[in-house]
Amino acid sequence: TVGPLIATKLGVSTIDVGNAQLGMHSAREMAGSLDHGMMIKVFTELFGE
């Protein structure tokens, strides 16, 4: 991901967060169908919206 690259350019503490995928950037990526909704719930709780 570009997270580490952006983190070094920003000069502030960062966390690279995202849904897990099997075979990222391959011809056949896979991810859980419920993961996106669950990540939305996590971010909603975290940021209080």
C-alpha atoms as a PDB file:
ATOM      1  CA  THR A   1       0.000   0.000   0.000  1.00  0.00           C
ATOM      2  CA  VAL A   2       1.006   3.626  -0.196  1.00  0.00           C
ATOM      3  CA  GLY A   3       0.545   4.082   3.569  1.00  0.00           C
ATOM      4  CA  PRO A   4       4.228   3.818   4.550  1.00  0.00           C
ATOM      5  CA  LEU A   5       5.261   6.165   1.731  1.00  0.00           C
ATOM      6  CA  ILE A   6       2.722   8.812   2.732  1.00  0.00           C
ATOM      7  CA  ALA A   7       3.633   8.414   6.411  1.00  0.00           C
ATOM      8  CA  THR A   8       7.281   9.232   5.737  1.00  0.00           C
ATOM      9  CA  LYS A   9       6.321  12.326   3.716  1.00  0.00           C
ATOM     10  CA  LEU A  10       3.873  13.680   6.335  1.00  0.00           C
ATOM     11  CA  GLY A  11       6.247  13.647   9.265  1.00  0.00           C
ATOM     12  CA  VAL A  12       3.471  12.750  11.736  1.00  0.00           C
ATOM     13  CA  SER A  13       2.463   9.477  13.377  1.00  0.00           C
ATOM     14  CA  THR A  14       0.098   7.526  11.118  1.00  0.00           C
ATOM     15  CA  ILE A  15      -1.747   4.217  11.062  1.00  0.00           C
ATOM     16  CA  ASP A  16      -2.349   2.365   7.783  1.00  0.00           C
ATOM     17  CA  VAL A  17      -5.763   0.704   8.189  1.00  0.00           C
ATOM     18  CA  GLY A  18      -7.891  -1.226   5.723  1.00  0.00           C
ATOM     19  CA  ASN A  19      -9.775  -4.412   5.045  1.00  0.00           C
ATOM     20  CA  ALA A  20      -7.748  -7.569   4.686  1.00  0.00           C
ATOM     21  CA  GLN A  21      -7.541  -9.115   1.225  1.00  0.00           C
ATOM     22  CA  LEU A  22      -6.170 -12.393  -0.045  1.00  0.00           C
ATOM     23  CA  GLY A  23      -3.982 -11.910  -3.114  1.00  0.00           C
ATOM     24  CA  MET A  24      -3.971  -8.118  -3.166  1.00  0.00           C
ATOM     25  CA  HIS A  25      -3.071  -6.754  -6.650  1.00  0.00           C
ATOM     26  CA  SER A  26      -3.329 -10.233  -8.167  1.00  0.00           C
ATOM     27  CA  ALA A  27      -5.588 -11.310 -11.017  1.00  0.00           C
ATOM     28  CA  ARG A  28      -8.010 -12.819  -8.473  1.00  0.00           C
ATOM     29  CA  GLU A  29      -8.331 -10.699  -5.347  1.00  0.00           C
ATOM     30  CA  MET A  30     -10.622 -11.958  -2.589  1.00  0.00           C
ATOM     31  CA  ALA A  31     -12.143 -10.276   0.435  1.00  0.00           C
ATOM     32  CA  GLY A  32     -15.026 -10.992   2.755  1.00  0.00           C
ATOM     33  CA  SER A  33     -18.388  -9.687   1.525  1.00  0.00           C
ATOM     34  CA  LEU A  34     -19.295  -8.401   5.008  1.00  0.00           C
ATOM     35  CA  ASP A  35     -15.913  -6.777   5.701  1.00  0.00           C
ATOM     36  CA  HIS A  36     -16.751  -3.405   4.138  1.00  0.00           C
ATOM     37  CA  GLY A  37     -19.831  -2.899   6.321  1.00  0.00           C
ATOM     38  CA  MET A  38     -17.955  -4.008   9.423  1.00  0.00           C
ATOM     39  CA  MET A  39     -15.143  -1.537   8.698  1.00  0.00           C
ATOM     40  CA  ILE A  40     -17.706   1.259   8.360  1.00  0.00           C
ATOM     41  CA  LYS A  41     -19.031   0.351  11.826  1.00  0.00           C
ATOM     42  CA  VAL A  42     -15.501   0.419  13.267  1.00  0.00           C
ATOM     43  CA  PHE A  43     -14.736   3.858  11.800  1.00  0.00           C
ATOM     44  CA  THR A  44     -18.145   5.201  12.861  1.00  0.00           C
ATOM     45  CA  GLU A  45     -17.468   4.166  16.463  1.00  0.00           C
ATOM     46  CA  LEU A  46     -13.897   5.396  16.339  1.00  0.00           C
ATOM     47  CA  PHE A  47     -14.708   8.839  14.963  1.00  0.00           C
ATOM     48  CA  GLY A  48     -18.088   9.191  16.702  1.00  0.00           C
ATOM     49  CA  GLU A  49     -20.323   9.948  13.728  1.00  0.00           C
END
